[in-house]
Amino acid sequence: MHRIDAVFACAYHADGQAPHAVADHFWRKPNPGMIVEGLRRLNGAAARSAMVGDKPGDIAAARAAGLGFTVLVARDASGVASDCSADAVVRSLREAVKTLAQSGATRGAP
C-alpha cells in the first residue's frame, strides 16, 4: 500500500505580499526547490520518487529535481503541452494512482 508522507506548498508568488512577493523563488515551479527540500526532509531518493502534476511546469520541476517517474493529469487535450516530458499522461487522479501502482515507480521508496 502506498502512503502520502508530506505535502509541501510554495507561498512565494510575484503577486504575493511581503515577504512572499518573490516571482522566481527556488521553490516556485518549474524550479525544483520544493521537491528538493521535500526529498531532503524525508530522506528521499529522487530516482525512487514520483510526481503527479496537472501542469507541464510540475513535470519540468520533477525532471529538474531528478525524480524517477512523472504523471501529468490532463483533463483535456488542451492541458498537454507538446514539449511535456511526462512518463504518463492520464485524465484523472484516480487514473494517476493506478498508473503509479502499475509502473512500480515508487516500489521500495522510503
PDB file of N, CA and C in Angstrom:
ATOM      1  N   MET A   1       0.841  -1.179   0.000  1.00  0.00           N
ATOM      2  CA  MET A   1       0.000   0.000   0.000  1.00  0.00           C
ATOM      3  C   MET A   1       0.884   1.240   0.000  1.00  0.00           C
ATOM      4  N   HIS A   2       0.477   2.248  -0.743  1.00  0.00           N
ATOM      5  CA  HIS A   2       1.216   3.499  -0.827  1.00  0.00           C
ATOM      6  C   HIS A   2       0.648   4.482   0.180  1.00  0.00           C
ATOM      7  N   ARG A   3       1.487   5.433   0.558  1.00  0.00           N
ATOM      8  CA  ARG A   3       1.027   6.439   1.512  1.00  0.00           C
ATOM      9  C   ARG A   3       1.601   7.801   1.139  1.00  0.00           C
ATOM     10  N   ILE A   4       0.993   8.833   1.639  1.00  0.00           N
ATOM     11  CA  ILE A   4       1.498  10.196   1.462  1.00  0.00           C
ATOM     12  C   ILE A   4       2.206  10.572   2.746  1.00  0.00           C
ATOM     13  N   ASP A   5       3.482  10.907   2.642  1.00  0.00           N
ATOM     14  CA  ASP A   5       4.279  11.234   3.819  1.00  0.00           C
ATOM     15  C   ASP A   5       4.283  12.716   4.157  1.00  0.00           C
ATOM     16  N   ALA A   6       4.041  13.573   3.174  1.00  0.00           N
ATOM     17  CA  ALA A   6       4.065  15.014   3.426  1.00  0.00           C
ATOM     18  C   ALA A   6       3.425  15.740   2.250  1.00  0.00           C
ATOM     19  N   VAL A   7       3.031  16.964   2.501  1.00  0.00           N
ATOM     20  CA  VAL A   7       2.534  17.849   1.460  1.00  0.00           C
ATOM     21  C   VAL A   7       3.287  19.163   1.609  1.00  0.00           C
ATOM     22  N   PHE A   8       3.820  19.675   0.513  1.00  0.00           N
ATOM     23  CA  PHE A   8       4.553  20.939   0.523  1.00  0.00           C
ATOM     24  C   PHE A   8       3.843  21.929  -0.391  1.00  0.00           C
ATOM     25  N   ALA A   9       3.891  23.197  -0.031  1.00  0.00           N
ATOM     26  CA  ALA A   9       3.294  24.255  -0.845  1.00  0.00           C
ATOM     27  C   ALA A   9       4.239  25.454  -0.840  1.00  0.00           C
ATOM     28  N   CYS A  10       4.270  26.172  -1.940  1.00  0.00           N
ATOM     29  CA  CYS A  10       5.126  27.351  -2.051  1.00  0.00           C
ATOM     30  C   CYS A  10       4.289  28.608  -1.816  1.00  0.00           C
ATOM     31  N   ALA A  11       4.689  29.391  -0.837  1.00  0.00           N
ATOM     32  CA  ALA A  11       3.972  30.626  -0.509  1.00  0.00           C
ATOM     33  C   ALA A  11       4.445  31.813  -1.353  1.00  0.00           C
ATOM     34  N   TYR A  12       5.530  31.639  -2.087  1.00  0.00           N
ATOM     35  CA  TYR A  12       6.127  32.744  -2.842  1.00  0.00           C
ATOM     36  C   TYR A  12       5.457  32.900  -4.205  1.00  0.00           C
ATOM     37  N   HIS A  13       5.146  34.154  -4.550  1.00  0.00           N
ATOM     38  CA  HIS A  13       4.463  34.431  -5.812  1.00  0.00           C
ATOM     39  C   HIS A  13       4.705  35.897  -6.163  1.00  0.00           C
ATOM     40  N   ALA A  14       4.800  36.193  -7.433  1.00  0.00           N
ATOM     41  CA  ALA A  14       5.031  37.577  -7.873  1.00  0.00           C
ATOM     42  C   ALA A  14       3.972  38.532  -7.347  1.00  0.00           C
ATOM     43  N   ASP A  15       2.740  38.058  -7.199  1.00  0.00           N
ATOM     44  CA  ASP A  15       1.646  38.906  -6.721  1.00  0.00           C
ATOM     45  C   ASP A  15       1.413  38.787  -5.214  1.00  0.00           C
ATOM     46  N   GLY A  16       2.323  38.094  -4.522  1.00  0.00           N
ATOM     47  CA  GLY A  16       2.179  37.904  -3.085  1.00  0.00           C
ATOM     48  C   GLY A  16       2.474  39.167  -2.296  1.00  0.00           C
ATOM     49  N   GLN A  17       2.209  39.090  -1.002  1.00  0.00           N
ATOM     50  CA  GLN A  17       2.519  40.202  -0.106  1.00  0.00           C
ATOM     51  C   GLN A  17       3.844  39.906   0.579  1.00  0.00           C
ATOM     52  N   ALA A  18       4.573  40.967   0.926  1.00  0.00           N
ATOM     53  CA  ALA A  18       5.872  40.821   1.588  1.00  0.00           C
ATOM     54  C   ALA A  18       5.724  39.959   2.827  1.00  0.00           C
ATOM     55  N   PRO A  19       6.616  39.089   3.102  1.00  0.00           N
ATOM     56  CA  PRO A  19       7.889  38.829   2.409  1.00  0.00           C
ATOM     57  C   PRO A  19       7.772  37.769   1.316  1.00  0.00           C
ATOM     58  N   HIS A  20       6.575  37.428   0.922  1.00  0.00           N
ATOM     59  CA  HIS A  20       6.382  36.349  -0.044  1.00  0.00           C
ATOM     60  C   HIS A  20       6.265  36.820  -1.492  1.00  0.00           C
ATOM     61  N   ALA A  21       6.475  38.098  -1.745  1.00  0.00           N
ATOM     62  CA  ALA A  21       6.385  38.644  -3.094  1.00  0.00           C
ATOM     63  C   ALA A  21       7.698  38.391  -3.841  1.00  0.00           C
ATOM     64  N   VAL A  22       7.911  37.159  -4.244  1.00  0.00           N
ATOM     65  CA  VAL A  22       9.126  36.747  -4.953  1.00  0.00           C
ATOM     66  C   VAL A  22       8.677  35.995  -6.202  1.00  0.00           C
ATOM     67  N   ALA A  23       8.969  36.548  -7.363  1.00  0.00           N
ATOM     68  CA  ALA A  23       8.479  35.971  -8.620  1.00  0.00           C
ATOM     69  C   ALA A  23       9.156  34.649  -8.973  1.00  0.00           C
ATOM     70  N   ASP A  24      10.455  34.559  -8.796  1.00  0.00           N
ATOM     71  CA  ASP A  24      11.176  33.373  -9.254  1.00  0.00           C
ATOM     72  C   ASP A  24      11.899  32.685  -8.094  1.00  0.00           C
ATOM     73  N   HIS A  25      11.192  32.452  -7.023  1.00  0.00           N
ATOM     74  CA  HIS A  25      11.765  31.783  -5.860  1.00  0.00           C
ATOM     75  C   HIS A  25      12.148  30.350  -6.232  1.00  0.00           C
ATOM     76  N   PHE A  26      13.194  29.824  -5.605  1.00  0.00           N
ATOM     77  CA  PHE A  26      13.681  28.481  -5.910  1.00  0.00           C
ATOM     78  C   PHE A  26      12.614  27.415  -5.667  1.00  0.00           C
ATOM     79  N   TRP A  27      11.672  27.677  -4.780  1.00  0.00           N
ATOM     80  CA  TRP A  27      10.590  26.721  -4.514  1.00  0.00           C
ATOM     81  C   TRP A  27       9.473  26.810  -5.555  1.00  0.00           C
ATOM     82  N   ARG A  28       9.418  27.888  -6.315  1.00  0.00           N
ATOM     83  CA  ARG A  28       8.315  28.103  -7.259  1.00  0.00           C
ATOM     84  C   ARG A  28       8.543  27.283  -8.523  1.00  0.00           C
ATOM     85  N   LYS A  29       7.608  26.383  -8.821  1.00  0.00           N
ATOM     86  CA  LYS A  29       7.737  25.568 -10.030  1.00  0.00           C
ATOM     87  C   LYS A  29       7.680  26.462 -11.268  1.00  0.00           C
ATOM     88  N   PRO A  30       8.456  26.165 -12.285  1.00  0.00           N
ATOM     89  CA  PRO A  30       9.128  24.910 -12.586  1.00  0.00           C
ATOM     90  C   PRO A  30      10.502  24.733 -11.949  1.00  0.00           C
ATOM     91  N   ASN A  31      10.877  25.603 -11.014  1.00  0.00           N
ATOM     92  CA  ASN A  31      12.129  25.377 -10.276  1.00  0.00           C
ATOM     93  C   ASN A  31      11.970  24.148  -9.379  1.00  0.00           C
ATOM     94  N   PRO A  32      13.033  23.433  -9.098  1.00  0.00           N
ATOM     95  CA  PRO A  32      12.931  22.180  -8.346  1.00  0.00           C
ATOM     96  C   PRO A  32      13.013  22.306  -6.834  1.00  0.00           C
ATOM     97  N   GLY A  33      13.135  23.517  -6.306  1.00  0.00           N
ATOM     98  CA  GLY A  33      13.425  23.711  -4.887  1.00  0.00           C
ATOM     99  C   GLY A  33      12.484  23.028  -3.912  1.00  0.00           C
ATOM    100  N   MET A  34      11.187  23.099  -4.152  1.00  0.00           N
ATOM    101  CA  MET A  34      10.231  22.498  -3.229  1.00  0.00           C
ATOM    102  C   MET A  34      10.394  20.978  -3.206  1.00  0.00           C
ATOM    103  N   ILE A  35      10.633  20.399  -4.347  1.00  0.00           N
ATOM    104  CA  ILE A  35      10.821  18.951  -4.429  1.00  0.00           C
ATOM    105  C   ILE A  35      12.128  18.545  -3.770  1.00  0.00           C
ATOM    106  N   VAL A  36      13.182  19.286  -4.048  1.00  0.00           N
ATOM    107  CA  VAL A  36      14.489  19.003  -3.447  1.00  0.00           C
ATOM    108  C   VAL A  36      14.399  19.087  -1.922  1.00  0.00           C
ATOM    109  N   GLU A  37      13.710  20.093  -1.405  1.00  0.00           N
ATOM    110  CA  GLU A  37      13.555  20.231   0.050  1.00  0.00           C
ATOM    111  C   GLU A  37      12.729  19.083   0.627  1.00  0.00           C
ATOM    112  N   GLY A  38      11.696  18.679  -0.086  1.00  0.00           N
ATOM    113  CA  GLY A  38      10.902  17.536   0.362  1.00  0.00           C
ATOM    114  C   GLY A  38      11.731  16.268   0.439  1.00  0.00           C
ATOM    115  N   LEU A  39      12.531  16.039  -0.569  1.00  0.00           N
ATOM    116  CA  LEU A  39      13.415  14.866  -0.562  1.00  0.00           C
ATOM    117  C   LEU A  39      14.379  14.923   0.619  1.00  0.00           C
ATOM    118  N   ARG A  40      14.921  16.124   0.872  1.00  0.00           N
ATOM    119  CA  ARG A  40      15.868  16.291   1.992  1.00  0.00           C
ATOM    120  C   ARG A  40      15.187  15.999   3.322  1.00  0.00           C
ATOM    121  N   ARG A  41      14.015  16.582   3.528  1.00  0.00           N
ATOM    122  CA  ARG A  41      13.323  16.417   4.808  1.00  0.00           C
ATOM    123  C   ARG A  41      12.862  14.985   5.061  1.00  0.00           C
ATOM    124  N   LEU A  42      12.545  14.278   3.991  1.00  0.00           N
ATOM    125  CA  LEU A  42      12.032  12.912   4.126  1.00  0.00           C
ATOM    126  C   LEU A  42      13.085  11.848   3.851  1.00  0.00           C
ATOM    127  N   ASN A  43      14.350  12.280   3.696  1.00  0.00           N
ATOM    128  CA  ASN A  43      15.428  11.349   3.348  1.00  0.00           C
ATOM    129  C   ASN A  43      15.050  10.526   2.122  1.00  0.00           C
ATOM    130  N   GLY A  44      14.467  11.191   1.153  1.00  0.00           N
ATOM    131  CA  GLY A  44      14.003  10.515  -0.060  1.00  0.00           C
ATOM    132  C   GLY A  44      15.089  10.359  -1.099  1.00  0.00           C
ATOM    133  N   ALA A  45      14.866   9.441  -1.979  1.00  0.00           N
ATOM    134  CA  ALA A  45      15.755   9.211  -3.112  1.00  0.00           C
ATOM    135  C   ALA A  45      15.019   9.670  -4.359  1.00  0.00           C
ATOM    136  N   ALA A  46      15.572  10.661  -5.040  1.00  0.00           N
ATOM    137  CA  ALA A  46      14.899  11.221  -6.213  1.00  0.00           C
ATOM    138  C   ALA A  46      14.563  10.156  -7.250  1.00  0.00           C
ATOM    139  N   ALA A  47      15.491   9.271  -7.513  1.00  0.00           N
ATOM    140  CA  ALA A  47      15.285   8.257  -8.550  1.00  0.00           C
ATOM    141  C   ALA A  47      14.155   7.294  -8.210  1.00  0.00           C
ATOM    142  N   ARG A  48      13.828   7.168  -6.922  1.00  0.00           N
ATOM    143  CA  ARG A  48      12.743   6.266  -6.499  1.00  0.00           C
ATOM    144  C   ARG A  48      11.482   7.028  -6.124  1.00  0.00           C
ATOM    145  N   SER A  49      11.401   8.280  -6.532  1.00  0.00           N
ATOM    146  CA  SER A  49      10.253   9.117  -6.196  1.00  0.00           C
ATOM    147  C   SER A  49       9.485   9.486  -7.454  1.00  0.00           C
ATOM    148  N   ALA A  50       8.208   9.781  -7.273  1.00  0.00           N
ATOM    149  CA  ALA A  50       7.336  10.114  -8.394  1.00  0.00           C
ATOM    150  C   ALA A  50       6.618  11.428  -8.134  1.00  0.00           C
ATOM    151  N   MET A  51       6.196  12.065  -9.222  1.00  0.00           N
ATOM    152  CA  MET A  51       5.449  13.327  -9.145  1.00  0.00           C
ATOM    153  C   MET A  51       4.190  13.183  -9.977  1.00  0.00           C
ATOM    154  N   VAL A  52       3.070  13.594  -9.399  1.00  0.00           N
ATOM    155  CA  VAL A  52       1.822  13.702 -10.137  1.00  0.00           C
ATOM    156  C   VAL A  52       1.499  15.184 -10.172  1.00  0.00           C
ATOM    157  N   GLY A  53       1.371  15.735 -11.369  1.00  0.00           N
ATOM    158  CA  GLY A  53       1.078  17.153 -11.505  1.00  0.00           C
ATOM    159  C   GLY A  53       0.003  17.393 -12.541  1.00  0.00           C
ATOM    160  N   ASP A  54      -0.519  18.621 -12.544  1.00  0.00           N
ATOM    161  CA  ASP A  54      -1.560  18.936 -13.522  1.00  0.00           C
ATOM    162  C   ASP A  54      -1.135  20.010 -14.516  1.00  0.00           C
ATOM    163  N   LYS A  55       0.158  20.344 -14.494  1.00  0.00           N
ATOM    164  CA  LYS A  55       0.691  21.333 -15.432  1.00  0.00           C
ATOM    165  C   LYS A  55       2.061  20.865 -15.926  1.00  0.00           C
ATOM    166  N   PRO A  56       2.402  21.204 -17.158  1.00  0.00           N
ATOM    167  CA  PRO A  56       3.734  20.851 -17.653  1.00  0.00           C
ATOM    168  C   PRO A  56       4.861  21.387 -16.755  1.00  0.00           C
ATOM    169  N   GLY A  57       4.636  22.530 -16.085  1.00  0.00           N
ATOM    170  CA  GLY A  57       5.643  23.073 -15.167  1.00  0.00           C
ATOM    171  C   GLY A  57       5.914  22.154 -13.986  1.00  0.00           C
ATOM    172  N   ASP A  58       4.905  21.409 -13.565  1.00  0.00           N
ATOM    173  CA  ASP A  58       5.080  20.419 -12.493  1.00  0.00           C
ATOM    174  C   ASP A  58       6.045  19.327 -12.949  1.00  0.00           C
ATOM    175  N   ILE A  59       5.861  18.895 -14.183  1.00  0.00           N
ATOM    176  CA  ILE A  59       6.713  17.845 -14.738  1.00  0.00           C
ATOM    177  C   ILE A  59       8.132  18.369 -14.920  1.00  0.00           C
ATOM    178  N   ALA A  60       8.261  19.614 -15.363  1.00  0.00           N
ATOM    179  CA  ALA A  60       9.588  20.223 -15.523  1.00  0.00           C
ATOM    180  C   ALA A  60      10.316  20.294 -14.185  1.00  0.00           C
ATOM    181  N   ALA A  61       9.602  20.658 -13.124  1.00  0.00           N
ATOM    182  CA  ALA A  61      10.222  20.723 -11.791  1.00  0.00           C
ATOM    183  C   ALA A  61      10.672  19.340 -11.338  1.00  0.00           C
ATOM    184  N   ALA A  62       9.834  18.345 -11.574  1.00  0.00           N
ATOM    185  CA  ALA A  62      10.182  16.967 -11.205  1.00  0.00           C
ATOM    186  C   ALA A  62      11.416  16.495 -11.965  1.00  0.00           C
ATOM    187  N   ARG A  63      11.476  16.795 -13.245  1.00  0.00           N
ATOM    188  CA  ARG A  63      12.644  16.420 -14.060  1.00  0.00           C
ATOM    189  C   ARG A  63      13.898  17.131 -13.539  1.00  0.00           C
ATOM    190  N   ALA A  64      13.776  18.425 -13.236  1.00  0.00           N
ATOM    191  CA  ALA A  64      14.927  19.189 -12.740  1.00  0.00           C
ATOM    192  C   ALA A  64      15.419  18.654 -11.401  1.00  0.00           C
ATOM    193  N   ALA A  65      14.509  18.082 -10.605  1.00  0.00           N
ATOM    194  CA  ALA A  65      14.884  17.506  -9.306  1.00  0.00           C
ATOM    195  C   ALA A  65      15.388  16.068  -9.443  1.00  0.00           C
ATOM    196  N   GLY A  66      15.291  15.507 -10.634  1.00  0.00           N
ATOM    197  CA  GLY A  66      15.783  14.154 -10.862  1.00  0.00           C
ATOM    198  C   GLY A  66      14.839  13.035 -10.475  1.00  0.00           C
ATOM    199  N   LEU A  67      13.533  13.335 -10.376  1.00  0.00           N
ATOM    200  CA  LEU A  67      12.587  12.296  -9.986  1.00  0.00           C
ATOM    201  C   LEU A  67      12.522  11.191 -11.039  1.00  0.00           C
ATOM    202  N   GLY A  68      12.247   9.989 -10.569  1.00  0.00           N
ATOM    203  CA  GLY A  68      12.283   8.825 -11.431  1.00  0.00           C
ATOM    204  C   GLY A  68      11.066   8.599 -12.289  1.00  0.00           C
ATOM    205  N   PHE A  69       9.904   9.171 -11.927  1.00  0.00           N
ATOM    206  CA  PHE A  69       8.685   8.906 -12.693  1.00  0.00           C
ATOM    207  C   PHE A  69       7.744  10.090 -12.547  1.00  0.00           C
ATOM    208  N   THR A  70       7.109  10.468 -13.639  1.00  0.00           N
ATOM    209  CA  THR A  70       6.192  11.607 -13.607  1.00  0.00           C
ATOM    210  C   THR A  70       4.884  11.265 -14.304  1.00  0.00           C
ATOM    211  N   VAL A  71       3.797  11.808 -13.756  1.00  0.00           N
ATOM    212  CA  VAL A  71       2.477  11.618 -14.335  1.00  0.00           C
ATOM    213  C   VAL A  71       1.807  12.982 -14.443  1.00  0.00           C
ATOM    214  N   LEU A  72       1.323  13.286 -15.629  1.00  0.00           N
ATOM    215  CA  LEU A  72       0.580  14.523 -15.847  1.00  0.00           C
ATOM    216  C   LEU A  72      -0.901  14.201 -15.901  1.00  0.00           C
ATOM    217  N   VAL A  73      -1.687  14.879 -15.059  1.00  0.00           N
ATOM    218  CA  VAL A  73      -3.141  14.736 -15.096  1.00  0.00           C
ATOM    219  C   VAL A  73      -3.658  15.859 -15.998  1.00  0.00           C
ATOM    220  N   ALA A  74      -4.090  15.479 -17.176  1.00  0.00           N
ATOM    221  CA  ALA A  74      -4.598  16.446 -18.158  1.00  0.00           C
ATOM    222  C   ALA A  74      -6.054  16.105 -18.423  1.00  0.00           C
ATOM    223  N   ARG A  75      -6.937  16.927 -17.937  1.00  0.00           N
ATOM    224  CA  ARG A  75      -8.369  16.622 -18.064  1.00  0.00           C
ATOM    225  C   ARG A  75      -8.880  16.752 -19.496  1.00  0.00           C
ATOM    226  N   ASP A  76      -8.140  17.501 -20.319  1.00  0.00           N
ATOM    227  CA  ASP A  76      -8.476  17.578 -21.740  1.00  0.00           C
ATOM    228  C   ASP A  76      -7.194  17.784 -22.534  1.00  0.00           C
ATOM    229  N   ALA A  77      -7.240  17.616 -23.810  1.00  0.00           N
ATOM    230  CA  ALA A  77      -6.044  17.677 -24.658  1.00  0.00           C
ATOM    231  C   ALA A  77      -5.379  19.043 -24.621  1.00  0.00           C
ATOM    232  N   SER A  78      -6.126  20.117 -24.336  1.00  0.00           N
ATOM    233  CA  SER A  78      -5.531  21.447 -24.307  1.00  0.00           C
ATOM    234  C   SER A  78      -4.589  21.619 -23.120  1.00  0.00           C
ATOM    235  N   GLY A  79      -4.681  20.740 -22.119  1.00  0.00           N
ATOM    236  CA  GLY A  79      -3.815  20.827 -20.956  1.00  0.00           C
ATOM    237  C   GLY A  79      -2.458  20.187 -21.147  1.00  0.00           C
ATOM    238  N   VAL A  80      -2.208  19.602 -22.308  1.00  0.00           N
ATOM    239  CA  VAL A  80      -0.944  18.912 -22.546  1.00  0.00           C
ATOM    240  C   VAL A  80      -0.107  19.712 -23.526  1.00  0.00           C
ATOM    241  N   ALA A  81       1.041  20.164 -23.075  1.00  0.00           N
ATOM    242  CA  ALA A  81       1.960  20.876 -23.958  1.00  0.00           C
ATOM    243  C   ALA A  81       2.728  19.867 -24.799  1.00  0.00           C
ATOM    244  N   SER A  82       3.035  20.232 -26.009  1.00  0.00           N
ATOM    245  CA  SER A  82       3.737  19.313 -26.896  1.00  0.00           C
ATOM    246  C   SER A  82       5.131  18.974 -26.379  1.00  0.00           C
ATOM    247  N   ASP A  83       5.696  19.845 -25.562  1.00  0.00           N
ATOM    248  CA  ASP A  83       7.037  19.590 -25.048  1.00  0.00           C
ATOM    249  C   ASP A  83       7.027  18.948 -23.652  1.00  0.00           C
ATOM    250  N   CYS A  84       5.867  18.535 -23.184  1.00  0.00           N
ATOM    251  CA  CYS A  84       5.771  17.903 -21.871  1.00  0.00           C
ATOM    252  C   CYS A  84       6.420  16.531 -21.919  1.00  0.00           C
ATOM    253  N   SER A  85       7.294  16.268 -20.973  1.00  0.00           N
ATOM    254  CA  SER A  85       8.062  15.017 -20.992  1.00  0.00           C
ATOM    255  C   SER A  85       7.605  14.043 -19.907  1.00  0.00           C
ATOM    256  N   ALA A  86       6.337  14.069 -19.563  1.00  0.00           N
ATOM    257  CA  ALA A  86       5.831  13.159 -18.532  1.00  0.00           C
ATOM    258  C   ALA A  86       5.949  11.717 -18.996  1.00  0.00           C
ATOM    259  N   ASP A  87       6.184  10.825 -18.041  1.00  0.00           N
ATOM    260  CA  ASP A  87       6.246   9.403 -18.352  1.00  0.00           C
ATOM    261  C   ASP A  87       4.862   8.865 -18.703  1.00  0.00           C
ATOM    262  N   ALA A  88       3.827   9.477 -18.146  1.00  0.00           N
ATOM    263  CA  ALA A  88       2.455   9.059 -18.436  1.00  0.00           C
ATOM    264  C   ALA A  88       1.552  10.281 -18.380  1.00  0.00           C
ATOM    265  N   VAL A  89       0.533  10.283 -19.213  1.00  0.00           N
ATOM    266  CA  VAL A  89      -0.487  11.332 -19.207  1.00  0.00           C
ATOM    267  C   VAL A  89      -1.824  10.639 -18.984  1.00  0.00           C
ATOM    268  N   VAL A  90      -2.547  11.095 -17.972  1.00  0.00           N
ATOM    269  CA  VAL A  90      -3.820  10.483 -17.610  1.00  0.00           C
ATOM    270  C   VAL A  90      -4.890  11.563 -17.509  1.00  0.00           C
ATOM    271  N   ARG A  91      -6.122  11.157 -17.318  1.00  0.00           N
ATOM    272  CA  ARG A  91      -7.242  12.102 -17.277  1.00  0.00           C
ATOM    273  C   ARG A  91      -7.780  12.376 -15.872  1.00  0.00           C
ATOM    274  N   SER A  92      -7.328  11.623 -14.855  1.00  0.00           N
ATOM    275  CA  SER A  92      -7.854  11.835 -13.504  1.00  0.00           C
ATOM    276  C   SER A  92      -6.808  11.413 -12.468  1.00  0.00           C
ATOM    277  N   LEU A  93      -7.007  11.876 -11.244  1.00  0.00           N
ATOM    278  CA  LEU A  93      -6.115  11.487 -10.155  1.00  0.00           C
ATOM    279  C   LEU A  93      -6.239   9.988  -9.888  1.00  0.00           C
ATOM    280  N   ARG A  94      -7.436   9.462  -9.990  1.00  0.00           N
ATOM    281  CA  ARG A  94      -7.643   8.025  -9.817  1.00  0.00           C
ATOM    282  C   ARG A  94      -6.790   7.238 -10.826  1.00  0.00           C
ATOM    283  N   GLU A  95      -6.799   7.700 -12.065  1.00  0.00           N
ATOM    284  CA  GLU A  95      -6.009   7.053 -13.110  1.00  0.00           C
ATOM    285  C   GLU A  95      -4.502   7.217 -12.828  1.00  0.00           C
ATOM    286  N   ALA A  96      -4.111   8.354 -12.257  1.00  0.00           N
ATOM    287  CA  ALA A  96      -2.698   8.582 -11.915  1.00  0.00           C
ATOM    288  C   ALA A  96      -2.234   7.588 -10.858  1.00  0.00           C
ATOM    289  N   VAL A  97      -3.061   7.374  -9.838  1.00  0.00           N
ATOM    290  CA  VAL A  97      -2.718   6.421  -8.778  1.00  0.00           C
ATOM    291  C   VAL A  97      -2.586   5.018  -9.360  1.00  0.00           C
ATOM    292  N   LYS A  98      -3.505   4.658 -10.224  1.00  0.00           N
ATOM    293  CA  LYS A  98      -3.461   3.343 -10.872  1.00  0.00           C
ATOM    294  C   LYS A  98      -2.185   3.202 -11.715  1.00  0.00           C
ATOM    295  N   THR A  99      -1.836   4.244 -12.440  1.00  0.00           N
ATOM    296  CA  THR A  99      -0.633   4.237 -13.277  1.00  0.00           C
ATOM    297  C   THR A  99       0.617   4.080 -12.433  1.00  0.00           C
ATOM    298  N   LEU A 100       0.682   4.791 -11.308  1.00  0.00           N
ATOM    299  CA  LEU A 100       1.838   4.665 -10.408  1.00  0.00           C
ATOM    300  C   LEU A 100       1.949   3.246  -9.871  1.00  0.00           C
ATOM    301  N   ALA A 101       0.845   2.674  -9.468  1.00  0.00           N
ATOM    302  CA  ALA A 101       0.847   1.317  -8.920  1.00  0.00           C
ATOM    303  C   ALA A 101       1.294   0.303  -9.969  1.00  0.00           C
ATOM    304  N   GLN A 102       0.814   0.457 -11.182  1.00  0.00           N
ATOM    305  CA  GLN A 102       1.166  -0.474 -12.249  1.00  0.00           C
ATOM    306  C   GLN A 102       2.615  -0.328 -12.679  1.00  0.00           C
ATOM    307  N   SER A 103       3.140   0.885 -12.595  1.00  0.00           N
ATOM    308  CA  SER A 103       4.511   1.131 -13.052  1.00  0.00           C
ATOM    309  C   SER A 103       5.551   0.622 -12.086  1.00  0.00           C
ATOM    310  N   GLY A 104       5.165   0.517 -10.795  1.00  0.00           N
ATOM    311  CA  GLY A 104       6.137   0.134  -9.785  1.00  0.00           C
ATOM    312  C   GLY A 104       7.147   1.236  -9.531  1.00  0.00           C
ATOM    313  N   ALA A 105       6.824   2.464  -9.972  1.00  0.00           N
ATOM    314  CA  ALA A 105       7.755   3.586  -9.906  1.00  0.00           C
ATOM    315  C   ALA A 105       8.257   3.886  -8.509  1.00  0.00           C
ATOM    316  N   THR A 106       7.415   3.704  -7.504  1.00  0.00           N
ATOM    317  CA  THR A 106       7.825   4.060  -6.146  1.00  0.00           C
ATOM    318  C   THR A 106       8.058   2.842  -5.272  1.00  0.00           C
ATOM    319  N   ARG A 107       8.097   1.664  -5.881  1.00  0.00           N
ATOM    320  CA  ARG A 107       8.318   0.452  -5.102  1.00  0.00           C
ATOM    321  C   ARG A 107       9.653   0.546  -4.365  1.00  0.00           C
ATOM    322  N   GLY A 108       9.607   0.335  -3.086  1.00  0.00           N
ATOM    323  CA  GLY A 108      10.834   0.390  -2.287  1.00  0.00           C
ATOM    324  C   GLY A 108      11.223   1.786  -1.873  1.00  0.00           C
ATOM    325  N   ALA A 109      10.424   2.792  -2.227  1.00  0.00           N
ATOM    326  CA  ALA A 109      10.736   4.159  -1.821  1.00  0.00           C
ATOM    327  C   ALA A 109      10.537   4.295  -0.323  1.00  0.00           C
ATOM    328  N   PRO A 110      11.320   5.166   0.288  1.00  0.00           N
ATOM    329  CA  PRO A 110      11.181   5.337   1.751  1.00  0.00           C
ATOM    330  C   PRO A 110       9.845   5.902   2.127  1.00  0.00           C
TER     331      PRO A 110
END
